Structure formats: C-alpha cells, structure tokens
Amino acid sequence: MTNLSDEQAMAKLARGLATPELDSTSAARIAEVARRDVGQGPPKRRLFEAIVVVGLVSATLVWAVFEVVEMLR
C-alpha cells in the first residue's frame, strides 16, 4: 500500500460509494448535526442508564445468592 494521507485515503474509499440522493438542504442539515456531535462524547444519559443497569443486576445477583444460601440451610 502506498503512503497516502488520511484525506486521500478517504477520498479513494468514497469513490466506490453510491452517491446519496439528498437535496442540498437535507445534506446541509445532516452535515451540521454531524459536525456538532463530533468530539462531544456519549450523552450523560448513557452513564445514568449504565449505573441503573449495574444496580439492578447487582440487586438480582444478591437476591439469588441469598435464595441459594437459604435453600442450602
């Protein structure tokens, strides 16, 4: 493989893709949203959801362990 810059490599890959059938206003809106979201990281909601899921799974695991211990007595 030759030594291409990232921009040249992306342009080479893009040549093989089908062109989207979007009007210019839709394309501009999509590009604006993409530029706004780049570099922002995941939303805070995803961290909250992960914490809730960990809490629910942990509580279920603790309950299951207590039930098994109770059955073995």
N, C-alpha and C. Protein backbone atom coordinates (compact mmCIF):
# COMPACT_ATOMS: atom_id res chain seq x y z
N MET A 1 0.85 -1.18 0.00
CA MET A 1 0.00 0.00 0.00
C MET A 1 0.89 1.24 0.00
N THR A 2 0.51 2.21 -0.75
CA THR A 2 1.28 3.44 -0.82
C THR A 2 1.03 4.28 0.41
N ASN A 3 1.84 5.28 0.57
CA ASN A 3 1.76 6.15 1.73
C ASN A 3 0.80 7.31 1.43
N LEU A 4 -0.49 7.13 1.69
CA LEU A 4 -1.50 8.16 1.43
C LEU A 4 -1.87 8.86 2.72
N SER A 5 -2.19 10.11 2.61
CA SER A 5 -2.70 10.80 3.79
C SER A 5 -4.12 10.30 4.07
N ASP A 6 -4.60 10.57 5.26
CA ASP A 6 -5.95 10.14 5.62
C ASP A 6 -6.99 10.72 4.66
N GLU A 7 -6.81 11.96 4.30
CA GLU A 7 -7.78 12.62 3.42
C GLU A 7 -7.79 11.95 2.04
N GLN A 8 -6.64 11.61 1.53
CA GLN A 8 -6.56 10.95 0.23
C GLN A 8 -7.16 9.55 0.31
N ALA A 9 -6.90 8.85 1.42
CA ALA A 9 -7.45 7.51 1.59
C ALA A 9 -8.97 7.56 1.66
N MET A 10 -9.52 8.54 2.37
CA MET A 10 -10.97 8.68 2.47
C MET A 10 -11.58 9.01 1.11
N ALA A 11 -10.92 9.86 0.35
CA ALA A 11 -11.41 10.21 -0.98
C ALA A 11 -11.41 8.99 -1.89
N LYS A 12 -10.38 8.18 -1.77
CA LYS A 12 -10.29 6.95 -2.57
C LYS A 12 -11.43 6.00 -2.21
N LEU A 13 -11.71 5.85 -0.92
CA LEU A 13 -12.81 5.00 -0.48
C LEU A 13 -14.16 5.55 -0.92
N ALA A 14 -14.31 6.86 -0.87
CA ALA A 14 -15.59 7.49 -1.19
C ALA A 14 -15.95 7.32 -2.66
N ARG A 15 -14.95 7.16 -3.52
CA ARG A 15 -15.24 6.99 -4.94
C ARG A 15 -16.07 5.74 -5.20
N GLY A 16 -15.90 4.72 -4.38
CA GLY A 16 -16.62 3.48 -4.57
C GLY A 16 -18.02 3.48 -4.00
N LEU A 17 -18.37 4.48 -3.22
CA LEU A 17 -19.69 4.54 -2.60
C LEU A 17 -20.71 5.15 -3.55
N ALA A 18 -21.94 4.73 -3.40
CA ALA A 18 -23.03 5.31 -4.18
C ALA A 18 -23.28 6.74 -3.69
N THR A 19 -23.64 7.59 -4.61
CA THR A 19 -23.93 8.96 -4.20
C THR A 19 -25.32 9.03 -3.57
N PRO A 20 -25.45 9.73 -2.46
CA PRO A 20 -26.75 9.82 -1.81
C PRO A 20 -27.70 10.69 -2.62
N GLU A 21 -28.96 10.35 -2.57
CA GLU A 21 -29.96 11.12 -3.30
C GLU A 21 -30.66 12.06 -2.33
N LEU A 22 -29.94 13.10 -1.92
CA LEU A 22 -30.47 14.09 -0.98
C LEU A 22 -30.49 15.46 -1.64
N ASP A 23 -31.48 16.22 -1.26
CA ASP A 23 -31.47 17.61 -1.71
C ASP A 23 -30.45 18.36 -0.87
N SER A 24 -30.06 19.52 -1.31
CA SER A 24 -28.96 20.25 -0.67
C SER A 24 -29.30 20.68 0.76
N THR A 25 -30.57 21.01 1.03
CA THR A 25 -30.92 21.44 2.39
C THR A 25 -30.83 20.27 3.37
N SER A 26 -31.26 19.08 2.96
CA SER A 26 -31.15 17.91 3.83
C SER A 26 -29.69 17.55 4.07
N ALA A 27 -28.90 17.60 3.02
CA ALA A 27 -27.47 17.30 3.15
C ALA A 27 -26.80 18.29 4.09
N ALA A 28 -27.15 19.56 3.98
CA ALA A 28 -26.55 20.58 4.86
C ALA A 28 -26.98 20.35 6.30
N ARG A 29 -28.23 20.00 6.51
CA ARG A 29 -28.72 19.74 7.87
C ARG A 29 -28.01 18.53 8.49
N ILE A 30 -27.86 17.46 7.72
CA ILE A 30 -27.17 16.26 8.21
C ILE A 30 -25.72 16.59 8.53
N ALA A 31 -25.06 17.35 7.65
CA ALA A 31 -23.67 17.72 7.88
C ALA A 31 -23.53 18.57 9.13
N GLU A 32 -24.46 19.48 9.37
CA GLU A 32 -24.40 20.34 10.55
C GLU A 32 -24.56 19.52 11.83
N VAL A 33 -25.50 18.60 11.84
CA VAL A 33 -25.70 17.74 13.01
C VAL A 33 -24.46 16.89 13.27
N ALA A 34 -23.89 16.35 12.20
CA ALA A 34 -22.69 15.51 12.35
C ALA A 34 -21.52 16.33 12.89
N ARG A 35 -21.32 17.54 12.38
CA ARG A 35 -20.23 18.38 12.86
C ARG A 35 -20.43 18.79 14.32
N ARG A 36 -21.67 19.02 14.70
CA ARG A 36 -21.97 19.42 16.08
C ARG A 36 -21.69 18.27 17.05
N ASP A 37 -21.98 17.03 16.62
CA ASP A 37 -21.84 15.88 17.51
C ASP A 37 -20.42 15.32 17.57
N VAL A 38 -19.59 15.62 16.60
CA VAL A 38 -18.23 15.08 16.58
C VAL A 38 -17.44 15.66 17.76
N GLY A 39 -16.81 14.79 18.50
CA GLY A 39 -15.96 15.21 19.61
C GLY A 39 -16.69 15.48 20.91
N GLN A 40 -18.00 15.28 20.94
CA GLN A 40 -18.75 15.57 22.15
C GLN A 40 -18.77 14.41 23.14
N GLY A 41 -18.50 13.20 22.67
CA GLY A 41 -18.57 12.04 23.54
C GLY A 41 -20.01 11.59 23.72
N PRO A 42 -20.19 10.50 24.43
CA PRO A 42 -21.55 9.99 24.61
C PRO A 42 -22.37 10.90 25.54
N PRO A 43 -23.68 10.91 25.38
CA PRO A 43 -24.51 11.75 26.26
C PRO A 43 -24.48 11.24 27.70
N LYS A 44 -24.75 12.12 28.64
CA LYS A 44 -24.73 11.77 30.07
C LYS A 44 -25.78 10.71 30.40
N ARG A 45 -26.84 10.65 29.62
CA ARG A 45 -27.91 9.68 29.84
C ARG A 45 -27.37 8.25 29.78
N ARG A 46 -26.40 8.02 28.90
CA ARG A 46 -25.85 6.67 28.78
C ARG A 46 -25.14 6.25 30.05
N LEU A 47 -24.46 7.15 30.73
CA LEU A 47 -23.81 6.83 32.00
C LEU A 47 -24.87 6.50 33.05
N PHE A 48 -25.93 7.29 33.11
CA PHE A 48 -27.01 7.05 34.06
C PHE A 48 -27.66 5.69 33.82
N GLU A 49 -27.91 5.35 32.56
CA GLU A 49 -28.50 4.05 32.23
C GLU A 49 -27.60 2.91 32.66
N ALA A 50 -26.30 3.06 32.45
CA ALA A 50 -25.37 2.01 32.85
C ALA A 50 -25.37 1.83 34.37
N ILE A 51 -25.42 2.91 35.11
CA ILE A 51 -25.45 2.82 36.58
C ILE A 51 -26.72 2.13 37.04
N VAL A 52 -27.85 2.46 36.43
CA VAL A 52 -29.12 1.82 36.80
C VAL A 52 -29.07 0.32 36.49
N VAL A 53 -28.55 -0.04 35.35
CA VAL A 53 -28.47 -1.46 34.97
C VAL A 53 -27.55 -2.21 35.93
N VAL A 54 -26.41 -1.63 36.26
CA VAL A 54 -25.50 -2.27 37.21
C VAL A 54 -26.18 -2.45 38.56
N GLY A 55 -26.94 -1.47 39.00
CA GLY A 55 -27.66 -1.59 40.27
C GLY A 55 -28.69 -2.71 40.22
N LEU A 56 -29.46 -2.78 39.15
CA LEU A 56 -30.48 -3.82 39.04
C LEU A 56 -29.86 -5.21 38.96
N VAL A 57 -28.81 -5.36 38.20
CA VAL A 57 -28.15 -6.66 38.07
C VAL A 57 -27.52 -7.06 39.40
N SER A 58 -26.90 -6.12 40.08
CA SER A 58 -26.30 -6.42 41.38
C SER A 58 -27.35 -6.84 42.39
N ALA A 59 -28.46 -6.13 42.42
CA ALA A 59 -29.53 -6.47 43.36
C ALA A 59 -30.09 -7.86 43.05
N THR A 60 -30.25 -8.18 41.79
CA THR A 60 -30.75 -9.51 41.40
C THR A 60 -29.75 -10.59 41.80
N LEU A 61 -28.47 -10.34 41.60
CA LEU A 61 -27.44 -11.31 41.96
C LEU A 61 -27.41 -11.53 43.47
N VAL A 62 -27.49 -10.47 44.24
CA VAL A 62 -27.51 -10.60 45.71
C VAL A 62 -28.74 -11.39 46.14
N TRP A 63 -29.90 -11.08 45.57
CA TRP A 63 -31.12 -11.81 45.90
C TRP A 63 -30.97 -13.30 45.59
N ALA A 64 -30.40 -13.61 44.40
CA ALA A 64 -30.22 -15.01 44.01
C ALA A 64 -29.27 -15.74 44.95
N VAL A 65 -28.21 -15.10 45.37
CA VAL A 65 -27.27 -15.71 46.31
C VAL A 65 -27.96 -15.98 47.64
N PHE A 66 -28.73 -15.04 48.14
CA PHE A 66 -29.47 -15.24 49.40
C PHE A 66 -30.46 -16.40 49.27
N GLU A 67 -31.14 -16.50 48.14
CA GLU A 67 -32.08 -17.60 47.94
C GLU A 67 -31.38 -18.95 47.92
N VAL A 68 -30.22 -19.03 47.27
CA VAL A 68 -29.47 -20.28 47.24
C VAL A 68 -28.97 -20.64 48.62
N VAL A 69 -28.46 -19.67 49.35
CA VAL A 69 -28.00 -19.94 50.72
C VAL A 69 -29.15 -20.40 51.59
N GLU A 70 -30.31 -19.79 51.45
CA GLU A 70 -31.50 -20.18 52.22
C GLU A 70 -31.93 -21.60 51.88
N MET A 71 -31.85 -22.00 50.62
CA MET A 71 -32.23 -23.35 50.21
C MET A 71 -31.25 -24.40 50.75
N LEU A 72 -29.99 -24.02 50.91
CA LEU A 72 -28.97 -24.96 51.38
C LEU A 72 -28.98 -25.15 52.90
N ARG A 73 -29.69 -24.36 53.63
CA ARG A 73 -29.76 -24.50 55.10
C ARG A 73 -30.61 -25.63 55.51
